[in-house]
Amino acid sequence: MLKQFERMKPSLFGLFTNPIREFRLIREQPRFFLSLLLLSFVVSMTFYYVGETIGSSPEAIANIERLQGQAFPPEIKDQANVFIGFSYGFAGFMIPWVMCLLNSLVLFLLVKAYQGKATFRQLYAFSAHLYLLTTLSLIADFLVNRLAGHPIKAPVTSLGVLFPDLPGGLLSSLLSYLSLFTIWYAIWLISGLQKITGLSKQHSQIVTILFLTIGLFGLTNVTIFYQDIATMLLR
Protein backbone atom coordinates (compact mmCIF):
# COMPACT_ATOMS: atom_id res chain seq x y z
CA MET A 1 0.00 0.00 0.00
CA LEU A 2 2.84 2.39 0.91
CA LYS A 3 4.69 1.67 -2.35
CA GLN A 4 1.49 2.20 -4.32
CA PHE A 5 1.00 5.56 -2.58
CA GLU A 6 4.58 6.57 -3.38
CA ARG A 7 3.99 5.86 -7.08
CA MET A 8 0.96 8.15 -7.17
CA LYS A 9 1.31 11.78 -8.16
CA PRO A 10 -0.81 14.78 -7.18
CA SER A 11 -3.50 15.61 -9.72
CA LEU A 12 -6.05 18.36 -10.17
CA PHE A 13 -8.94 15.99 -10.66
CA GLY A 14 -8.03 14.05 -7.52
CA LEU A 15 -8.97 17.13 -5.51
CA PHE A 16 -12.61 16.42 -6.32
CA THR A 17 -12.54 12.70 -5.57
CA ASN A 18 -10.24 12.57 -2.55
CA PRO A 19 -8.79 15.96 -1.51
CA ILE A 20 -7.23 14.62 1.70
CA ARG A 21 -5.20 12.07 -0.28
CA GLU A 22 -4.14 14.78 -2.72
CA PHE A 23 -2.91 17.02 0.07
CA ARG A 24 -0.83 14.16 1.45
CA LEU A 25 0.56 13.52 -2.02
CA ILE A 26 1.46 17.19 -2.35
CA ARG A 27 3.31 16.98 0.96
CA GLU A 28 5.25 13.89 -0.14
CA GLN A 29 5.63 14.82 -3.84
CA PRO A 30 5.28 18.59 -4.31
CA ARG A 31 4.89 18.52 -8.08
CA PHE A 32 2.99 21.26 -9.84
CA PHE A 33 4.40 21.99 -13.32
CA LEU A 34 1.93 20.05 -15.48
CA SER A 35 -1.07 21.03 -13.37
CA LEU A 36 -0.19 24.71 -13.43
CA LEU A 37 0.64 24.53 -17.13
CA LEU A 38 -2.85 23.19 -17.84
CA LEU A 39 -4.51 25.87 -15.71
CA SER A 40 -2.38 28.57 -17.34
CA PHE A 41 -3.49 27.41 -20.77
CA VAL A 42 -7.17 27.55 -19.75
CA VAL A 43 -6.79 31.02 -18.19
CA SER A 44 -4.85 32.17 -21.26
CA MET A 45 -7.61 31.06 -23.64
CA THR A 46 -10.26 32.76 -21.50
CA PHE A 47 -8.27 35.99 -21.40
CA TYR A 48 -7.72 35.77 -25.16
CA TYR A 49 -11.46 35.76 -25.83
CA VAL A 50 -11.94 38.64 -23.38
CA GLY A 51 -9.21 40.62 -25.15
CA GLU A 52 -10.65 39.81 -28.55
CA THR A 53 -14.04 41.10 -27.40
CA ILE A 54 -12.47 44.30 -26.11
CA GLY A 55 -10.49 44.72 -29.34
CA SER A 56 -13.70 44.48 -31.35
CA SER A 57 -15.22 47.43 -29.49
CA PRO A 58 -14.66 50.90 -31.03
CA GLU A 59 -15.16 52.42 -27.56
CA ALA A 60 -12.40 50.24 -26.13
CA ILE A 61 -10.01 51.10 -28.96
CA ALA A 62 -10.72 54.80 -28.41
CA ASN A 63 -9.99 54.40 -24.68
CA ILE A 64 -6.71 52.62 -25.39
CA GLU A 65 -5.65 55.34 -27.81
CA ARG A 66 -6.54 57.98 -25.24
CA LEU A 67 -4.53 56.23 -22.53
CA GLN A 68 -1.43 55.85 -24.69
CA GLY A 69 -1.76 59.36 -26.11
CA GLN A 70 -1.63 58.37 -29.77
CA ALA A 71 -3.74 56.62 -32.35
CA PHE A 72 -3.07 53.14 -33.67
CA PRO A 73 -1.73 52.91 -37.23
CA PRO A 74 -4.54 51.81 -39.60
CA GLU A 75 -2.97 48.39 -40.22
CA ILE A 76 -2.87 47.67 -36.48
CA LYS A 77 -6.35 49.08 -35.80
CA ASP A 78 -7.80 46.70 -38.41
CA GLN A 79 -6.34 43.76 -36.46
CA ALA A 80 -6.83 45.22 -32.98
CA ASN A 81 -9.02 42.35 -31.81
CA VAL A 82 -6.29 39.81 -32.60
CA PHE A 83 -3.51 41.99 -31.18
CA ILE A 84 -5.34 42.69 -27.92
CA GLY A 85 -6.50 39.08 -27.75
CA PHE A 86 -2.94 37.77 -27.90
CA SER A 87 -1.77 40.41 -25.41
CA TYR A 88 -4.46 39.35 -22.96
CA GLY A 89 -3.73 35.70 -23.69
CA PHE A 90 -0.06 36.12 -22.82
CA ALA A 91 -0.96 37.96 -19.62
CA GLY A 92 -3.45 35.22 -18.76
CA PHE A 93 -0.77 32.57 -19.20
CA MET A 94 1.65 34.34 -16.86
CA ILE A 95 -0.83 35.34 -14.14
CA PRO A 96 -1.23 31.86 -12.52
CA TRP A 97 2.55 31.43 -12.14
CA VAL A 98 3.02 34.88 -10.62
CA MET A 99 -0.02 34.72 -8.36
CA CYS A 100 0.88 31.25 -7.09
CA LEU A 101 4.31 32.66 -6.25
CA LEU A 102 2.75 35.51 -4.25
CA ASN A 103 0.20 33.21 -2.62
CA SER A 104 2.95 30.79 -1.63
CA LEU A 105 5.09 33.55 -0.16
CA VAL A 106 2.20 34.83 1.99
CA LEU A 107 1.32 31.29 3.09
CA PHE A 108 4.96 30.52 3.84
CA LEU A 109 5.26 33.54 6.15
CA LEU A 110 1.95 32.81 7.88
CA VAL A 111 2.73 29.12 8.33
CA LYS A 112 6.17 29.89 9.77
CA ALA A 113 4.60 32.44 12.13
CA TYR A 114 2.49 29.62 13.61
CA GLN A 115 5.44 27.20 13.60
CA GLY A 116 4.15 24.98 10.82
CA LYS A 117 6.56 22.75 8.92
CA ALA A 118 6.52 23.09 5.15
CA THR A 119 8.95 23.98 2.39
CA PHE A 120 8.29 26.77 -0.06
CA ARG A 121 8.05 24.18 -2.84
CA GLN A 122 5.32 22.30 -0.97
CA LEU A 123 3.31 25.48 -0.52
CA TYR A 124 3.82 26.47 -4.15
CA ALA A 125 2.52 23.07 -5.27
CA PHE A 126 -0.40 23.49 -2.85
CA SER A 127 -1.17 26.96 -4.23
CA ALA A 128 -0.93 25.66 -7.79
CA HIS A 129 -3.53 22.98 -7.15
CA LEU A 130 -5.83 25.39 -5.31
CA TYR A 131 -5.63 27.62 -8.38
CA LEU A 132 -8.04 25.15 -9.95
CA LEU A 133 -10.83 26.93 -8.04
CA THR A 134 -9.61 30.33 -9.22
CA THR A 135 -9.74 29.05 -12.80
CA LEU A 136 -13.22 27.58 -12.39
CA SER A 137 -14.41 30.88 -10.92
CA LEU A 138 -13.07 32.75 -13.94
CA ILE A 139 -14.70 30.31 -16.38
CA ALA A 140 -18.07 30.58 -14.61
CA ASP A 141 -17.96 34.38 -14.77
CA PHE A 142 -16.83 34.30 -18.40
CA LEU A 143 -19.62 31.99 -19.54
CA VAL A 144 -22.38 33.85 -17.69
CA ASN A 145 -21.16 37.21 -18.98
CA ARG A 146 -21.07 35.81 -22.51
CA LEU A 147 -24.63 34.53 -22.20
CA ALA A 148 -25.79 37.82 -20.68
CA GLY A 149 -24.19 39.78 -23.51
CA HIS A 150 -22.79 42.43 -21.17
CA PRO A 151 -20.44 42.53 -18.15
CA ILE A 152 -22.10 41.66 -14.84
CA LYS A 153 -20.96 43.87 -11.97
CA ALA A 154 -19.98 41.07 -9.59
CA PRO A 155 -18.85 37.42 -9.73
CA VAL A 156 -21.87 35.27 -10.52
CA THR A 157 -21.47 33.06 -7.43
CA SER A 158 -20.89 35.95 -5.00
CA LEU A 159 -23.18 37.94 -2.72
CA GLY A 160 -22.31 40.99 -4.78
CA VAL A 161 -24.50 39.79 -7.64
CA LEU A 162 -27.53 40.24 -5.35
CA PHE A 163 -26.75 43.94 -4.96
CA PRO A 164 -25.87 45.15 -8.47
CA ASP A 165 -26.65 48.81 -7.70
CA LEU A 166 -24.44 49.01 -4.63
CA PRO A 167 -21.87 51.83 -5.01
CA GLY A 168 -18.22 50.86 -5.05
CA GLY A 169 -16.27 50.69 -1.82
CA LEU A 170 -15.20 48.24 0.86
CA LEU A 171 -18.68 46.75 1.32
CA SER A 172 -19.08 46.19 -2.42
CA SER A 173 -15.63 44.57 -2.60
CA LEU A 174 -16.41 42.36 0.40
CA LEU A 175 -19.71 41.12 -1.07
CA SER A 176 -18.04 40.42 -4.41
CA TYR A 177 -15.26 38.54 -2.63
CA LEU A 178 -17.64 36.32 -0.65
CA SER A 179 -18.44 33.74 -3.32
CA LEU A 180 -19.02 30.00 -3.40
CA PHE A 181 -15.53 29.55 -4.83
CA THR A 182 -13.97 31.59 -2.01
CA ILE A 183 -15.75 29.41 0.57
CA TRP A 184 -14.67 26.28 -1.29
CA TYR A 185 -11.11 27.64 -1.42
CA ALA A 186 -11.17 28.28 2.33
CA ILE A 187 -12.34 24.73 3.09
CA TRP A 188 -9.56 23.19 1.00
CA LEU A 189 -7.01 25.62 2.41
CA ILE A 190 -7.85 24.74 6.02
CA SER A 191 -7.75 21.01 5.30
CA GLY A 192 -4.58 21.22 3.21
CA LEU A 193 -2.69 23.27 5.78
CA GLN A 194 -3.33 20.59 8.39
CA LYS A 195 -2.13 17.77 6.14
CA ILE A 196 0.81 19.56 4.50
CA THR A 197 2.18 21.81 7.25
CA GLY A 198 1.11 19.95 10.39
CA LEU A 199 -0.73 22.98 11.78
CA SER A 200 -3.60 22.36 14.16
CA LYS A 201 -7.14 22.91 12.94
CA GLN A 202 -7.39 26.14 14.92
CA HIS A 203 -4.13 27.54 13.57
CA SER A 204 -5.08 26.46 10.05
CA GLN A 205 -8.33 28.39 10.39
CA ILE A 206 -6.48 31.47 11.63
CA VAL A 207 -3.97 31.30 8.77
CA THR A 208 -6.83 30.91 6.29
CA ILE A 209 -8.69 33.93 7.69
CA LEU A 210 -5.52 36.03 7.54
CA PHE A 211 -4.74 34.84 4.02
CA LEU A 212 -8.24 35.61 2.74
CA THR A 213 -8.21 39.00 4.47
CA ILE A 214 -4.99 39.83 2.65
CA GLY A 215 -6.67 38.58 -0.52
CA LEU A 216 -9.57 40.97 0.02
CA PHE A 217 -7.15 43.85 -0.39
CA GLY A 218 -5.77 42.37 -3.59
CA LEU A 219 -2.43 41.12 -2.32
CA THR A 220 -3.20 37.47 -2.96
CA ASN A 221 -5.27 35.91 -5.70
CA VAL A 222 -8.19 33.64 -4.85
CA THR A 223 -10.53 34.71 -7.64
CA ILE A 224 -10.09 36.58 -10.91
CA PHE A 225 -13.03 38.90 -11.32
CA TYR A 226 -14.17 38.72 -14.93
CA GLN A 227 -15.87 42.10 -14.70
CA ASP A 228 -12.56 43.73 -13.74
CA ILE A 229 -10.80 42.62 -16.91
CA ALA A 230 -13.81 42.85 -19.20
CA THR A 231 -14.99 46.33 -18.25
CA MET A 232 -11.61 47.96 -17.69
CA LEU A 233 -11.65 49.43 -21.21
CA LEU A 234 -15.34 49.16 -21.99
CA ARG A 235 -16.75 51.46 -19.33
Foldseek 3Di string as FASTA:
>chain_A
DVVVLVPDAADLVVCVVPVLSNLLRLQVPVDFVVLLQVLLQLQLQLQLVLQLVLLVDPQLQVLVCVVVVHHDDPVCSVVSSNVSSNVSSVVSSCVLVVQLLLLLVLLVVLLVVQPFDADSSSSSSVSSSLCVLQSVQSVQQSVVCVVVVHHQPARPQFQLSVPRPDDDDLVSLVRRLHGPSLVVSLVSQLSSCCSNGVDDSVSSNVSSVVSVVCVSVPSHPSHDIPNCSNCVSVD
